[in-house]
Protein backbone atom coordinates (compact mmCIF):
# COMPACT_ATOMS: atom_id res chain seq x y z
CA MET A 1 -33.57 -9.06 3.15
CA ASN A 2 -33.50 -11.32 6.21
CA GLY A 3 -31.12 -9.14 8.24
CA GLN A 4 -28.17 -11.45 7.69
CA VAL A 5 -24.81 -10.15 6.49
CA LEU A 6 -22.23 -11.86 4.29
CA VAL A 7 -18.82 -10.20 4.48
CA VAL A 8 -16.49 -10.82 1.54
CA VAL A 9 -12.96 -9.47 1.93
CA GLY A 10 -11.37 -9.21 -1.51
CA ALA A 11 -13.41 -8.18 -4.56
CA GLY A 12 -11.39 -10.01 -7.23
CA GLY A 13 -12.51 -13.04 -9.21
CA MET A 14 -12.96 -15.40 -6.27
CA GLY A 15 -14.54 -12.79 -4.03
CA GLU A 16 -17.05 -11.77 -6.67
CA ALA A 17 -17.91 -15.43 -7.35
CA VAL A 18 -18.41 -16.11 -3.63
CA ALA A 19 -20.67 -13.08 -3.25
CA ARG A 20 -22.70 -14.14 -6.29
CA ARG A 21 -23.07 -17.74 -5.03
CA SER A 22 -23.81 -17.04 -1.36
CA GLY A 23 -25.15 -13.49 -1.24
CA GLN A 24 -28.77 -14.01 -2.26
CA GLY A 25 -31.18 -12.83 0.43
CA ARG A 26 -28.39 -11.24 2.48
CA THR A 27 -26.69 -7.90 2.67
CA VAL A 28 -23.26 -8.36 1.11
CA LEU A 29 -20.53 -6.23 2.62
CA LEU A 30 -17.82 -6.31 -0.05
CA ALA A 31 -14.41 -4.98 0.92
CA ASP A 32 -11.15 -4.43 -0.94
CA ILE A 33 -8.18 -2.07 -0.87
CA GLY A 34 -8.64 -1.21 -4.56
CA GLU A 35 -11.47 1.27 -5.06
CA GLN A 36 -11.70 0.56 -8.80
CA THR A 37 -11.92 -3.21 -8.26
CA LEU A 38 -14.45 -2.69 -5.48
CA ASP A 39 -16.62 -0.38 -7.55
CA HIS A 40 -16.58 -2.71 -10.56
CA ALA A 41 -17.55 -5.79 -8.54
CA GLY A 42 -20.14 -3.89 -6.52
CA ARG A 43 -21.84 -2.57 -9.63
CA ALA A 44 -21.84 -5.98 -11.30
CA LEU A 45 -23.37 -7.72 -8.30
CA THR A 46 -25.92 -4.98 -7.68
CA GLY A 47 -26.93 -5.22 -11.33
CA GLU A 48 -27.66 -8.91 -10.77
CA GLY A 49 -30.06 -8.10 -7.94
CA LEU A 50 -27.86 -8.53 -4.88
CA SER A 51 -27.90 -6.03 -2.02
CA VAL A 52 -24.30 -4.84 -1.87
CA VAL A 53 -22.53 -2.38 0.41
CA THR A 54 -18.87 -1.64 -0.24
CA GLN A 55 -16.03 -0.50 1.99
CA VAL A 56 -12.35 0.09 1.36
CA VAL A 57 -10.20 -1.96 3.73
CA ASP A 58 -6.49 -2.43 4.27
CA VAL A 59 -6.14 -5.93 5.69
CA THR A 60 -2.63 -5.15 6.95
CA SER A 61 -4.08 -2.53 9.33
CA ALA A 62 -5.74 -3.78 12.52
CA ASP A 63 -7.70 -0.53 12.80
CA SER A 64 -9.00 -0.79 9.23
CA VAL A 65 -10.08 -4.40 9.72
CA ARG A 66 -11.80 -3.57 13.02
CA GLU A 67 -13.67 -0.76 11.26
CA LEU A 68 -14.86 -3.27 8.68
CA ALA A 69 -16.07 -5.64 11.42
CA ALA A 70 -17.91 -2.79 13.13
CA ARG A 71 -19.57 -1.81 9.85
CA ALA A 72 -20.65 -5.41 9.33
CA ARG A 73 -22.19 -5.61 12.79
CA ALA A 74 -24.04 -2.33 12.20
CA LEU A 75 -25.59 -3.74 9.03
CA GLY A 76 -27.17 -6.76 10.72
CA GLU A 77 -26.44 -10.27 11.93
CA VAL A 78 -22.99 -11.31 10.67
CA THR A 79 -23.58 -14.92 9.70
CA GLN A 80 -20.91 -15.46 7.02
CA VAL A 81 -17.38 -14.10 6.57
CA VAL A 82 -15.17 -15.02 3.62
CA HIS A 83 -11.60 -13.78 3.27
CA THR A 84 -10.27 -13.98 -0.30
CA ALA A 85 -7.81 -11.07 -0.38
CA GLY A 86 -4.21 -11.91 -1.19
CA LEU A 87 -1.12 -11.31 -3.29
CA SER A 88 0.74 -13.87 -5.38
CA PRO A 89 4.49 -14.21 -5.96
CA VAL A 90 4.45 -12.42 -9.32
CA GLN A 91 2.54 -9.49 -7.87
CA ALA A 92 4.49 -8.45 -4.83
CA SER A 93 7.60 -8.48 -2.67
CA VAL A 94 8.28 -10.80 0.24
CA ALA A 95 7.30 -8.10 2.73
CA ALA A 96 4.02 -7.33 0.97
CA ILE A 97 3.04 -11.00 0.68
CA LEU A 98 3.73 -11.63 4.36
CA ALA A 99 1.80 -8.49 5.33
CA VAL A 100 -1.27 -9.19 3.19
CA ASP A 101 -1.43 -12.99 2.96
CA LEU A 102 -0.25 -13.83 6.48
CA LEU A 103 -0.93 -10.88 8.78
CA GLY A 104 -4.08 -9.89 6.89
CA VAL A 105 -5.69 -13.27 7.52
CA ALA A 106 -4.73 -13.21 11.20
CA LEU A 107 -6.24 -9.73 11.65
CA VAL A 108 -9.50 -10.69 9.93
CA LEU A 109 -9.84 -13.81 12.09
CA ASP A 110 -9.21 -11.69 15.19
CA ALA A 111 -11.61 -8.89 14.27
CA PHE A 112 -14.56 -11.03 13.21
CA GLU A 113 -14.44 -13.55 16.06
CA PRO A 114 -16.25 -11.12 18.42
CA VAL A 115 -18.95 -10.25 15.86
CA ILE A 116 -19.74 -13.56 14.14
CA ALA A 117 -23.23 -14.74 15.01
CA SER A 118 -24.02 -18.01 16.72
CA GLY A 119 -24.54 -20.54 13.97
CA GLY A 120 -22.40 -18.46 11.65
CA ALA A 121 -19.38 -19.56 9.64
CA GLY A 122 -16.21 -18.20 8.12
CA VAL A 123 -13.92 -19.32 5.30
CA VAL A 124 -10.37 -18.22 4.57
CA ILE A 125 -9.00 -18.78 1.07
CA ALA A 126 -5.54 -20.31 1.50
CA SER A 127 -3.75 -22.22 -1.31
CA MET A 128 -2.41 -25.60 -2.32
CA ALA A 129 0.96 -23.88 -1.94
CA GLY A 130 0.57 -24.56 1.76
CA TYR A 131 0.81 -28.29 0.93
CA LEU A 132 3.59 -28.02 -1.63
CA ALA A 133 5.93 -25.77 0.38
CA ALA A 134 8.84 -27.31 2.28
CA PRO A 135 7.57 -28.70 5.62
CA LEU A 136 8.22 -26.51 8.64
CA PRO A 137 9.58 -27.83 11.94
CA PRO A 138 6.91 -28.29 14.62
CA GLU A 139 8.20 -25.36 16.68
CA GLN A 140 7.86 -23.03 13.68
CA GLU A 141 4.34 -24.24 12.94
CA ARG A 142 3.47 -23.68 16.58
CA ALA A 143 4.83 -20.14 16.40
CA LEU A 144 2.79 -19.37 13.27
CA THR A 145 -0.29 -20.81 14.99
CA THR A 146 -0.10 -19.10 18.37
CA THR A 147 1.88 -15.86 18.09
CA PRO A 148 -0.40 -12.83 18.64
CA SER A 149 -1.13 -11.01 15.41
CA ASP A 150 0.68 -7.82 16.41
CA ARG A 151 3.92 -9.79 16.82
CA LEU A 152 3.48 -12.20 13.93
CA LEU A 153 5.70 -10.49 11.37
CA GLY A 154 8.51 -10.24 13.93
CA LEU A 155 8.98 -14.00 14.14
CA PRO A 156 12.60 -15.05 13.41
CA LEU A 157 11.40 -17.62 10.90
CA LEU A 158 10.04 -14.75 8.76
CA ALA A 159 13.30 -12.76 8.75
CA PRO A 160 14.71 -11.81 5.31
CA ASP A 161 17.50 -14.37 5.55
CA MET A 162 14.90 -17.10 6.18
CA VAL A 163 12.29 -16.04 3.60
CA ALA A 164 14.36 -14.86 0.68
CA ASP A 165 11.91 -14.87 -2.23
CA PRO A 166 8.19 -14.25 -2.88
CA GLY A 167 7.46 -17.90 -3.67
CA THR A 168 8.75 -19.02 -0.28
CA ALA A 169 6.85 -16.21 1.43
CA TYR A 170 3.65 -17.27 -0.29
CA GLY A 171 4.02 -20.92 0.72
CA VAL A 172 4.75 -20.03 4.34
CA ALA A 173 1.85 -17.57 4.47
CA LYS A 174 -0.63 -20.06 3.05
CA ARG A 175 0.47 -22.79 5.45
CA ALA A 176 0.07 -20.25 8.24
CA ASN A 177 -3.47 -19.51 7.02
CA GLN A 178 -4.39 -23.16 7.51
CA LEU A 179 -2.81 -23.18 10.97
CA ARG A 180 -4.41 -19.90 12.11
CA VAL A 181 -7.83 -21.19 11.05
CA MET A 182 -7.34 -24.33 13.13
CA ALA A 183 -6.55 -22.21 16.18
CA ALA A 184 -9.32 -19.69 15.50
CA SER A 185 -11.92 -22.45 15.31
CA VAL A 186 -11.67 -22.87 19.08
CA ALA A 187 -12.43 -19.20 19.80
CA TRP A 188 -15.13 -19.04 17.13
CA GLY A 189 -16.61 -22.24 18.58
CA ARG A 190 -17.17 -20.52 21.91
CA ARG A 191 -19.58 -18.25 20.04
CA GLY A 192 -21.28 -21.20 18.39
CA ALA A 193 -19.65 -20.43 15.05
CA ARG A 194 -17.34 -22.33 12.70
CA VAL A 195 -14.35 -21.37 10.56
CA ASN A 196 -12.48 -23.34 7.90
CA SER A 197 -10.10 -22.71 5.03
CA VAL A 198 -10.19 -23.62 1.34
CA SER A 199 -6.93 -24.26 -0.52
CA PRO A 200 -7.44 -23.73 -4.24
CA GLY A 201 -5.15 -25.12 -6.90
CA VAL A 202 -4.45 -23.19 -10.09
CA VAL A 203 -7.58 -21.13 -10.72
CA SER A 204 -8.38 -19.04 -13.77
CA THR A 205 -8.52 -15.64 -12.14
CA ALA A 206 -6.44 -12.59 -13.08
CA MET A 207 -3.97 -13.63 -10.37
CA GLY A 208 -3.86 -17.22 -11.58
CA GLN A 209 -3.29 -16.18 -15.18
CA ALA A 210 -0.48 -13.85 -14.08
CA GLU A 211 1.19 -16.72 -12.26
CA LEU A 212 0.85 -18.97 -15.32
CA ALA A 213 2.62 -16.30 -17.35
CA GLY A 214 5.34 -15.86 -14.73
CA PRO A 215 8.46 -17.79 -13.67
CA ALA A 216 6.45 -20.56 -12.01
CA GLY A 217 4.13 -21.02 -14.99
CA GLU A 218 5.84 -24.10 -16.38
CA MET A 219 5.68 -25.86 -13.01
CA MET A 220 2.03 -24.92 -12.58
CA ARG A 221 1.11 -26.23 -16.03
CA ALA A 222 2.92 -29.47 -15.20
CA LEU A 223 0.79 -29.79 -12.05
CA ILE A 224 -2.37 -29.28 -14.09
CA ASP A 225 -1.30 -31.92 -16.60
CA LEU A 226 -0.45 -34.32 -13.77
CA SER A 227 -3.75 -33.82 -11.96
CA PRO A 228 -6.66 -36.25 -12.44
CA THR A 229 -8.97 -33.46 -13.69
CA ARG A 230 -6.35 -31.99 -16.07
CA ARG A 231 -7.89 -28.53 -16.07
CA LEU A 232 -7.70 -25.13 -14.46
CA GLY A 233 -10.06 -24.43 -11.63
CA THR A 234 -12.68 -21.71 -11.95
CA PRO A 235 -13.85 -19.08 -9.46
CA GLY A 236 -17.15 -20.98 -9.45
CA ASP A 237 -15.39 -24.13 -8.23
CA ILE A 238 -14.05 -22.21 -5.23
CA ALA A 239 -17.36 -20.46 -4.61
CA ALA A 240 -19.14 -23.83 -4.54
CA ALA A 241 -16.67 -25.28 -2.01
CA THR A 242 -16.99 -22.14 0.07
CA ALA A 243 -20.79 -22.32 -0.02
CA PHE A 244 -20.63 -25.86 1.32
CA LEU A 245 -18.44 -24.80 4.25
CA LEU A 246 -20.71 -21.84 5.00
CA GLY A 247 -23.92 -23.81 4.79
CA PRO A 248 -26.05 -26.20 6.83
CA GLU A 249 -24.55 -29.35 5.29
CA SER A 250 -21.22 -28.72 7.07
CA THR A 251 -22.25 -27.95 10.64
CA PHE A 252 -19.88 -30.65 11.96
CA VAL A 253 -16.92 -29.27 9.99
CA THR A 254 -14.65 -26.66 11.58
CA GLY A 255 -10.96 -25.95 11.98
CA THR A 256 -10.00 -27.82 8.83
CA ASP A 257 -8.80 -27.17 5.28
CA LEU A 258 -10.58 -28.24 2.11
CA LEU A 259 -8.13 -28.80 -0.75
CA VAL A 260 -9.82 -27.83 -4.02
CA ASP A 261 -7.07 -28.38 -6.57
CA GLY A 262 -8.37 -30.89 -9.08
CA GLY A 263 -6.25 -33.56 -7.43
CA ALA A 264 -2.90 -31.89 -8.16
CA VAL A 265 -1.43 -32.41 -4.69
CA ALA A 266 -2.70 -36.00 -4.59
CA ALA A 267 -1.01 -36.68 -7.93
CA THR A 268 2.33 -35.43 -6.66
CA ARG A 269 2.14 -37.85 -3.73
CA ALA A 270 0.68 -40.90 -5.44
CA PRO A 271 2.98 -43.83 -6.18
CA ALA A 272 4.47 -43.67 -9.66
């Protein structure tokens, strides 16, 4: 081991793929709220030769996320942080999606900014839903960008009468992820570190398959058929994009979003 630490928040399909792709030669601190998921991924990665430490984390709790950051710092030099944890519209209520997908990202960005090493990098997994959701007025985008994390869920634009269904909540949360990363890049830059987001399209994970089987499945299949690649994404596709943003080839890239959707969003906006 070289003393460097890769933190992966979320031990599902994407998180496990990211750890497998970028964890060689580092201590991998793998975190998730689900102990069974965490144990399964940790055992699989350890069996492949990676050095893995696991910790249960609740990303909706500032204290829990700070404890994770402290554990990471105690393990060594925190050079890479990847946040993959999230809930999709078929999995959860509006309140749960906003708490996990929106607040959880904000808390992770806050907690790891003081511990990320100079030369380090972070990646937040957002979604193409942030591009496909109805555009927000500039004042609402500004509020999602700048409101302190402890007041974020109290914004009027997130009130039940404004965000009435899980799909809307998911789109707003993922757009907010992109915006929070832009803002966080300034603070992380003061430490000599970078942070970006990746917005996957429809990816063949357990979550992605559940969405394909749910109410939005027909629309998602239409997007796949419309896209230039005409296929589902894989966890490996997202891990490869993440590795690029974490690595030395992207040292001039920060505060931006990389859309990894097989061209689905481009196809919706291209002239007929």
